[in-house]
Every structure is written in structure tokens, then in C-alpha cells.
Amino acid sequence: RNLPLQIGIPVKTGFKAEGDWMVELPPQEAGTICDIQIVGGEEELSLSQVIFGDVWVCSGQSNMVFTMNGIFNSSEEIAAAAAYPDIRFTIINRVTSDVEEDDVGTKIPWSDPANGNRNLNSFSSVCFFYAMNVYDQLGVPMGLIDSAWGGTRVEAWSSQDALDACEIEDNVMPNNPQNSNSYLWNSMIHPLRKMTVKGFLWYQGEANANWNMDKYSCTFPTLISSWRDQFSMMSNTSPDAPFGFVMLSTIKYGTAGTTYPRLRLHQTADYGFVPNPDMPYTFMATAVDTYDEENGIHPRYKKIVGERLAYAGLGVAYDLDSFPINGPIAS
């Protein structure tokens, strides 16, 4: 389909920003497919079979990274996913930086699950099952960006301003740079800000069980508001972009420790539910019952988690009244 010709408009000037430009296409009906050609001087870039739909950024640590080939019934689920060619996905390179970057490469290019695409084996299962369930209800194509890294803390994904707001002490770890303050924000989130996205999905917290745990009720809500501010400032992302997350699972039954129950409460800014006044336009999937003794901290029951996240997201992100935004709340 031919779209009206648009002229690239420089967004910055100066040698450092040479090559920065922006084109804003008019809104298209969901499912529109086209080829896009960008020509400047002797350079030409072609994007083929571009589909219009909703883009979600999926981030966090290992339970967001947890791939389709690691879940229960993985072969059957991956085969069934071939029926969803309108769900496109990519994985961002896992890199660190001590300064805010504008570009980042991809570990796998934009792909779809049709025709036995092996790239799906390595993609986030929670992220993909979320998209499958939303697509089943709405038929809107989904673009999924997997920008996650196992064993990482919320501080690494937070900007310096967000950390300052929660009075987080400086922390640089030369031998474990992915857990240095802001290093993953700099390298794996900041470069995405110019993309208009529908919202964000998050599965993280285990790495903060013994690190600034009691500040998580500040660091996590502040990360959410910071990401919204940064993306909406640099793109057409809504300043109230929906943000979904997974409440942490059970690692071991029978423990008398209170660390994980407290951390789960901190995930909701200590309200015990979302949305709430400190976390508007958020939604949550509970995973406490997805205990997997053999896999411990990484339960393989990811299909039900993605489904629950999608049902909550359909209520919050897509305003469907038939999907409740939370379950029973104790009073």
C-alpha cells in the first residue's frame, strides 16, 4: 500500500547528532501492511512487510527472559504459535553503558512465528503469551520488543533522575556491569524512546530481594513514571501508557521468611492492589500459585501468567469492561 510521501525533518543539529531525523506517518488502520523506503543521497533503506499495530516493550530479569522453548509443552505451544503471523517480535542486544545511548542492536531481527520460525524458541514466553491472548480478543497486530536481562536489579533499569528521587546510593559494579545503576536504562531502554509504544510489560524483583528491597515501593513506581515521561517526550507514546507487571512467584513452599511477601507488597507501592493512586494505569498478574519445585525461581508455568497479564491488560490498557482489572481484595 502506498502512503503519502513524508519529508524527513531534522530533530537536532551539530556534528554529534548528525544523521538524526524523524518521519511521522499518518495513523493507519490496524493490520495495514506496506513497504517503507527511505532514501537520502546515495543511501537507501528498505523495510518490507511492515504491519501497523500496537508495540509493547517487555523488560525485567530472568522470568521475563524465560524463553518459549523452556516452558511446559513447549513443542506444542511453539507449533500453535505459527497461527499468529501478525505478532512480530525482536530481542534487543544485552549490552551495558555508563552513558545514555541513542542506538542499540538486536540479537534477533524482527520476526514472526509462522513457518516454523526458530527465533520464537528464544523469545520471552510471558511476553508472547500476553500478545497471543490480546490478539485473540482484539485482532490487533502486536509488535513485541524483548529488552530484558536475567539477574538484574530495578536500579540498573532506572534513570539517574529516578534513582535520585528515591535516594538510591551510587553503585557501579565493574565485574557485574549489568547491575550497575542505570547501565541498562542507558543501553537497552533509552535508545527505544523515539519509538511510539502502546505500553510496557515487566517481570522483575527477585534480584532486589536482598538489595534495596524496602525501597522497591519507591524505585518501581518511579521507574514506571520515568519511562512514561521519557517515551512520551520523545515520541507519540501516551504519558499514561499502560504498564503491566507480574507479582513474584513462590520459590519454595513452607518457608517462614517474609522477604518475598514484603517485596510483593512493595511491587504495588504497598497498597496490595493496582491500579492505585501511586501507580495509575497499571495492571498485574499474580503468579504465587505457579510454584515449580524442579525449576525453583523460574517456574515453567508461563502460559497462565501471560494469559492473566493479558486479561488484566484488556481491562486497563484496552478499556474492556468484561475483563476485571484485579481480583478479590481483602479488607
Protein backbone atom coordinates (compact mmCIF):
# COMPACT_ATOMS: atom_id res chain seq x y z
CA ARG A 1 0.00 0.00 0.00
CA ASN A 2 1.33 3.43 -0.91
CA LEU A 3 1.33 6.01 1.88
CA PRO A 4 1.66 9.77 1.31
CA LEU A 5 5.25 10.90 0.87
CA GLN A 6 6.72 12.36 4.05
CA ILE A 7 9.81 14.55 4.28
CA GLY A 8 12.36 13.83 7.00
CA ILE A 9 12.68 16.69 9.49
CA PRO A 10 15.95 17.13 11.45
CA VAL A 11 15.34 16.94 15.18
CA LYS A 12 18.82 18.02 16.29
CA THR A 13 21.79 19.80 14.80
CA GLY A 14 25.53 19.60 15.26
CA PHE A 15 28.19 17.05 14.46
CA LYS A 16 27.34 14.74 17.36
CA ALA A 17 23.74 14.41 16.24
CA GLU A 18 24.49 14.11 12.52
CA GLY A 19 22.10 11.67 10.93
CA ASP A 20 19.24 12.16 13.42
CA TRP A 21 15.93 12.66 11.67
CA MET A 22 12.27 11.78 12.12
CA VAL A 23 9.33 10.92 9.91
CA GLU A 24 5.82 10.80 11.30
CA LEU A 25 3.37 8.69 9.30
CA PRO A 26 -0.36 9.37 9.49
CA PRO A 27 -2.38 6.86 11.57
CA GLN A 28 -3.20 3.64 9.76
CA GLU A 29 -5.86 1.03 10.32
CA ALA A 30 -4.60 -1.87 12.42
CA GLY A 31 -3.37 -4.63 10.13
CA THR A 32 -2.29 -2.34 7.29
CA ILE A 33 0.80 -3.83 5.64
CA CYS A 34 3.20 -1.86 3.48
CA ASP A 35 6.79 -1.49 2.39
CA ILE A 36 8.69 1.61 3.52
CA GLN A 37 11.59 3.06 1.56
CA ILE A 38 13.88 5.74 2.96
CA VAL A 39 16.24 7.49 0.55
CA GLY A 40 18.83 10.13 1.31
CA GLY A 41 21.57 10.96 -1.16
CA GLU A 42 23.19 7.68 -2.16
CA GLU A 43 21.84 5.81 0.85
CA GLU A 44 18.68 3.78 0.78
CA LEU A 45 16.91 1.76 3.48
CA SER A 46 14.03 -0.56 2.73
CA LEU A 47 11.62 -2.06 5.27
CA SER A 48 9.36 -4.75 3.83
CA GLN A 49 6.06 -6.15 5.08
CA VAL A 50 5.70 -3.54 7.83
CA ILE A 51 2.46 -4.09 9.73
CA PHE A 52 0.64 -1.45 11.78
CA GLY A 53 -0.48 -2.37 15.29
CA ASP A 54 0.42 -1.98 18.97
CA VAL A 55 4.02 -2.14 20.20
CA TRP A 56 4.85 -3.39 23.71
CA VAL A 57 8.24 -3.26 25.44
CA CYS A 58 8.85 -6.36 27.60
CA SER A 59 11.54 -5.91 30.23
CA GLY A 60 12.86 -7.18 33.55
CA GLN A 61 15.03 -10.10 34.59
CA SER A 62 15.18 -13.86 34.03
CA ASN A 63 11.47 -14.66 34.34
CA MET A 64 10.79 -12.19 31.52
CA VAL A 65 13.74 -13.60 29.58
CA PHE A 66 12.40 -17.17 30.15
CA THR A 67 12.01 -18.50 26.63
CA MET A 68 9.31 -20.36 24.75
CA ASN A 69 11.48 -23.46 24.47
CA GLY A 70 11.75 -23.70 28.26
CA ILE A 71 8.05 -23.81 29.19
CA PHE A 72 5.84 -26.84 29.76
CA ASN A 73 4.59 -28.34 26.44
CA SER A 74 6.99 -26.09 24.55
CA SER A 75 6.90 -28.02 21.25
CA GLU A 76 3.10 -27.91 21.07
CA GLU A 77 2.92 -24.25 22.10
CA ILE A 78 5.54 -23.16 19.58
CA ALA A 79 3.76 -25.07 16.83
CA ALA A 80 0.43 -23.46 17.76
CA ALA A 81 2.05 -20.02 17.69
CA ALA A 82 2.55 -20.35 13.93
CA ALA A 83 -1.11 -19.35 13.59
CA TYR A 84 -0.20 -15.81 14.74
CA PRO A 85 1.83 -14.21 11.93
CA ASP A 86 0.50 -10.78 12.95
CA ILE A 87 2.57 -10.95 16.14
CA ARG A 88 6.05 -9.67 15.35
CA PHE A 89 8.94 -9.78 17.83
CA THR A 90 12.58 -8.85 18.30
CA ILE A 91 15.20 -9.24 21.03
CA ILE A 92 17.45 -6.33 21.99
CA ASN A 93 21.17 -6.99 22.47
CA ARG A 94 22.15 -7.40 26.11
CA VAL A 95 24.72 -4.64 26.49
CA THR A 96 25.63 -2.12 29.18
CA SER A 97 26.72 1.51 29.12
CA ASP A 98 27.70 4.15 31.65
CA VAL A 99 26.18 6.88 29.45
CA GLU A 100 22.79 7.23 27.80
CA GLU A 101 22.91 5.74 24.30
CA ASP A 102 20.77 6.55 21.27
CA ASP A 103 21.21 3.28 19.38
CA VAL A 104 21.16 -0.41 20.22
CA GLY A 105 21.37 -3.50 18.04
CA THR A 106 19.19 -6.59 18.05
CA LYS A 107 20.04 -10.15 18.98
CA ILE A 108 17.39 -11.38 16.56
CA PRO A 109 15.74 -9.25 13.85
CA TRP A 110 12.02 -8.58 13.64
CA SER A 111 10.42 -11.99 13.12
CA ASP A 112 7.07 -13.72 13.20
CA PRO A 113 6.18 -17.22 14.45
CA ALA A 114 4.86 -18.51 11.14
CA ASN A 115 6.57 -21.18 9.07
CA GLY A 116 8.37 -22.76 12.00
CA ASN A 117 10.45 -19.65 12.71
CA ARG A 118 13.17 -20.79 15.13
CA ASN A 119 13.60 -17.32 16.56
CA LEU A 120 10.46 -17.85 18.63
CA ASN A 121 12.27 -20.56 20.61
CA SER A 122 14.47 -17.85 22.13
CA PHE A 123 11.77 -15.28 22.76
CA SER A 124 10.14 -14.32 26.06
CA SER A 125 7.25 -16.67 26.79
CA VAL A 126 5.34 -14.29 29.10
CA CYS A 127 5.59 -11.52 26.52
CA PHE A 128 4.42 -13.73 23.65
CA PHE A 129 1.52 -15.34 25.53
CA TYR A 130 0.37 -11.87 26.57
CA ALA A 131 0.25 -10.83 22.92
CA MET A 132 -1.50 -14.03 21.83
CA ASN A 133 -4.31 -13.54 24.31
CA VAL A 134 -4.78 -9.85 23.47
CA TYR A 135 -4.76 -10.67 19.76
CA ASP A 136 -7.42 -13.35 20.28
CA GLN A 137 -9.74 -10.70 21.72
CA LEU A 138 -8.96 -7.71 19.51
CA GLY A 139 -7.32 -8.94 16.31
CA VAL A 140 -4.84 -6.05 16.55
CA PRO A 141 -1.30 -6.93 15.37
CA MET A 142 1.33 -6.85 18.09
CA GLY A 143 4.98 -5.79 17.95
CA LEU A 144 6.99 -7.12 20.90
CA ILE A 145 10.39 -5.81 21.99
CA ASP A 146 12.21 -8.12 24.40
CA SER A 147 14.64 -5.91 26.33
CA ALA A 148 15.39 -7.97 29.43
CA TRP A 149 18.39 -9.45 31.24
CA GLY A 150 18.48 -12.20 33.85
CA GLY A 151 19.57 -11.47 37.40
CA THR A 152 19.27 -7.70 37.09
CA ARG A 153 18.02 -5.17 39.62
CA VAL A 154 15.47 -2.41 39.20
CA GLU A 155 18.23 0.17 39.76
CA ALA A 156 20.00 -0.91 36.57
CA TRP A 157 16.85 -0.19 34.54
CA SER A 158 16.26 3.21 36.17
CA SER A 159 17.50 6.61 35.02
CA GLN A 160 19.71 8.64 37.33
CA ASP A 161 16.88 11.09 37.96
CA ALA A 162 14.60 8.24 39.01
CA LEU A 163 17.23 6.87 41.38
CA ASP A 164 17.82 10.31 42.86
CA ALA A 165 14.10 10.64 43.55
CA CYS A 166 14.32 7.54 45.75
CA GLU A 167 17.64 8.49 47.35
CA ILE A 168 19.45 5.44 45.96
CA GLU A 169 23.18 5.42 46.60
CA ASP A 170 25.60 5.28 43.68
CA ASN A 171 26.59 1.77 42.66
CA VAL A 172 28.98 0.69 39.91
CA MET A 173 29.99 -2.97 39.64
CA PRO A 174 32.91 -3.43 37.21
CA ASN A 175 32.66 -7.22 37.38
CA ASN A 176 28.86 -7.22 37.05
CA PRO A 177 28.10 -4.11 35.00
CA GLN A 178 24.53 -5.15 34.22
CA ASN A 179 23.72 -4.43 37.87
CA SER A 180 25.36 -1.01 37.96
CA ASN A 181 22.93 1.85 38.50
CA SER A 182 21.32 2.99 35.22
CA TYR A 183 23.58 0.86 32.99
CA LEU A 184 20.64 -0.98 31.38
CA TRP A 185 18.46 2.12 31.22
CA ASN A 186 21.33 3.75 29.33
CA SER A 187 21.88 0.93 26.84
CA MET A 188 18.63 -1.04 26.46
CA ILE A 189 15.75 1.38 27.19
CA HIS A 190 16.98 4.91 26.43
CA PRO A 191 17.63 4.03 22.73
CA LEU A 192 13.97 2.98 22.33
CA ARG A 193 12.42 6.26 23.49
CA LYS A 194 11.80 7.59 19.98
CA MET A 195 9.51 4.64 19.23
CA THR A 196 5.82 5.14 19.84
CA VAL A 197 4.69 2.22 22.00
CA LYS A 198 1.34 1.15 23.38
CA GLY A 199 2.77 0.15 26.74
CA PHE A 200 5.21 -1.84 28.85
CA LEU A 201 5.35 -5.29 30.45
CA TRP A 202 7.64 -6.05 33.40
CA TYR A 203 8.66 -9.20 35.28
CA GLN A 204 11.39 -8.39 37.80
CA GLY A 205 12.04 -8.17 41.52
CA GLU A 206 13.84 -11.32 42.60
CA ALA A 207 17.23 -9.59 42.32
CA ASN A 208 16.01 -6.92 44.76
CA ALA A 209 15.06 -9.41 47.47
CA ASN A 210 18.39 -8.66 49.16
CA TRP A 211 19.20 -5.30 47.59
CA ASN A 212 17.34 -2.09 48.44
CA MET A 213 14.27 -4.25 48.97
CA ASP A 214 12.47 -1.83 51.26
CA LYS A 215 13.00 0.96 48.72
CA TYR A 216 11.27 -1.02 45.96
CA SER A 217 7.98 0.67 46.82
CA CYS A 218 9.67 3.84 45.57
CA THR A 219 12.04 2.60 42.86
CA PHE A 220 9.47 0.57 40.93
CA PRO A 221 6.65 3.17 40.74
CA THR A 222 9.27 5.82 39.94
CA LEU A 223 10.68 3.68 37.12
CA ILE A 224 7.18 3.44 35.68
CA SER A 225 6.57 7.19 35.72
CA SER A 226 10.07 7.88 34.42
CA TRP A 227 9.70 5.55 31.44
CA ARG A 228 6.34 7.10 30.59
CA ASP A 229 7.77 10.61 30.80
CA GLN A 230 10.78 9.80 28.64
CA PHE A 231 8.88 7.91 25.93
CA SER A 232 6.04 10.45 25.73
CA MET A 233 8.56 13.30 25.49
CA MET A 234 10.39 11.70 22.56
CA SER A 235 7.51 10.03 20.67
CA ASN A 236 3.74 9.80 20.43
CA THR A 237 3.64 7.36 23.34
CA SER A 238 0.89 8.32 25.77
CA PRO A 239 2.08 9.93 29.03
CA ASP A 240 -0.30 7.45 30.68
CA ALA A 241 0.96 4.44 28.73
CA PRO A 242 -0.30 1.25 30.43
CA PHE A 243 2.28 -0.69 32.42
CA GLY A 244 1.70 -4.35 33.28
CA PHE A 245 3.78 -6.46 35.63
CA VAL A 246 3.89 -9.88 37.26
CA MET A 247 3.72 -10.29 41.03
CA LEU A 248 6.57 -12.60 42.04
CA SER A 249 6.05 -16.33 42.19
CA THR A 250 6.66 -18.74 45.05
CA ILE A 251 10.20 -20.11 45.14
CA LYS A 252 9.80 -22.62 47.96
CA TYR A 253 6.76 -23.74 49.90
CA GLY A 254 6.97 -23.90 53.66
CA THR A 255 9.46 -21.10 54.25
CA ALA A 256 8.69 -18.81 57.16
CA GLY A 257 10.61 -15.90 55.68
CA THR A 258 8.83 -12.62 54.98
CA THR A 259 11.14 -11.24 52.27
CA TYR A 260 9.04 -12.22 49.26
CA PRO A 261 5.66 -11.33 50.80
CA ARG A 262 7.03 -7.88 51.64
CA LEU A 263 8.55 -7.49 48.19
CA ARG A 264 5.25 -8.42 46.55
CA LEU A 265 3.57 -5.70 48.60
CA HIS A 266 6.28 -3.22 47.54
CA GLN A 267 5.54 -4.11 43.89
CA THR A 268 2.19 -2.37 44.42
CA ALA A 269 3.66 0.65 46.25
CA ASP A 270 2.42 -1.02 49.46
CA TYR A 271 -1.26 -0.81 48.50
CA GLY A 272 -1.67 -4.51 47.79
CA PHE A 273 -3.51 -3.85 44.52
CA VAL A 274 -3.24 -1.92 41.26
CA PRO A 275 -4.18 0.46 39.80
CA ASN A 276 -3.78 2.70 42.83
CA PRO A 277 -3.12 6.43 43.41
CA ASP A 278 0.67 5.97 43.18
CA MET A 279 0.51 3.58 40.22
CA PRO A 280 -2.26 4.69 37.84
CA TYR A 281 -2.87 2.83 34.58
CA THR A 282 -1.02 -0.24 35.82
CA PHE A 283 -2.15 -3.86 35.80
CA MET A 284 -0.83 -7.02 37.39
CA ALA A 285 -0.82 -10.80 37.06
CA THR A 286 -0.39 -12.87 40.20
CA ALA A 287 1.98 -15.84 39.96
CA VAL A 288 2.12 -17.00 43.59
CA ASP A 289 0.42 -20.30 42.65
CA THR A 290 2.80 -21.12 39.77
CA TYR A 291 5.24 -22.94 42.06
CA ASP A 292 7.54 -25.30 40.15
CA GLU A 293 9.63 -27.32 42.60
CA GLU A 294 12.03 -28.60 39.95
CA ASN A 295 12.73 -25.16 38.46
CA GLY A 296 12.61 -23.13 41.68
CA ILE A 297 12.86 -19.42 40.99
CA HIS A 298 11.97 -19.95 37.31
CA PRO A 299 8.53 -21.63 37.12
CA ARG A 300 7.74 -23.11 33.72
CA TYR A 301 4.05 -22.19 34.02
CA LYS A 302 4.45 -19.12 31.84
CA LYS A 303 1.38 -19.61 29.65
CA ILE A 304 -1.04 -18.95 32.52
CA VAL A 305 1.00 -15.91 33.61
CA GLY A 306 0.82 -14.39 30.12
CA GLU A 307 -2.91 -15.13 30.00
CA ARG A 308 -3.57 -13.47 33.35
CA LEU A 309 -1.49 -10.46 32.36
CA ALA A 310 -3.45 -10.15 29.11
CA TYR A 311 -6.84 -10.31 30.86
CA ALA A 312 -5.83 -7.54 33.23
CA GLY A 313 -4.33 -5.58 30.33
CA LEU A 314 -7.52 -5.87 28.30
CA GLY A 315 -9.29 -4.12 31.16
CA VAL A 316 -6.71 -1.40 31.83
CA ALA A 317 -4.92 -0.86 28.51
CA TYR A 318 -7.90 -1.51 26.21
CA ASP A 319 -10.83 -0.45 28.44
CA LEU A 320 -12.82 -3.66 28.00
CA ASP A 321 -15.30 -3.79 30.88
CA SER A 322 -15.75 -7.54 30.55
CA PHE A 323 -12.18 -8.08 31.80
CA PRO A 324 -11.68 -7.31 35.52
CA ILE A 325 -8.58 -5.32 36.41
CA ASN A 326 -7.98 -7.14 39.71
CA GLY A 327 -9.26 -9.98 41.84
CA PRO A 328 -10.79 -10.05 45.33
CA ILE A 329 -9.21 -7.59 47.75
CA ALA A 330 -9.02 -8.31 51.46
CA SER A 331 -10.49 -5.65 53.73
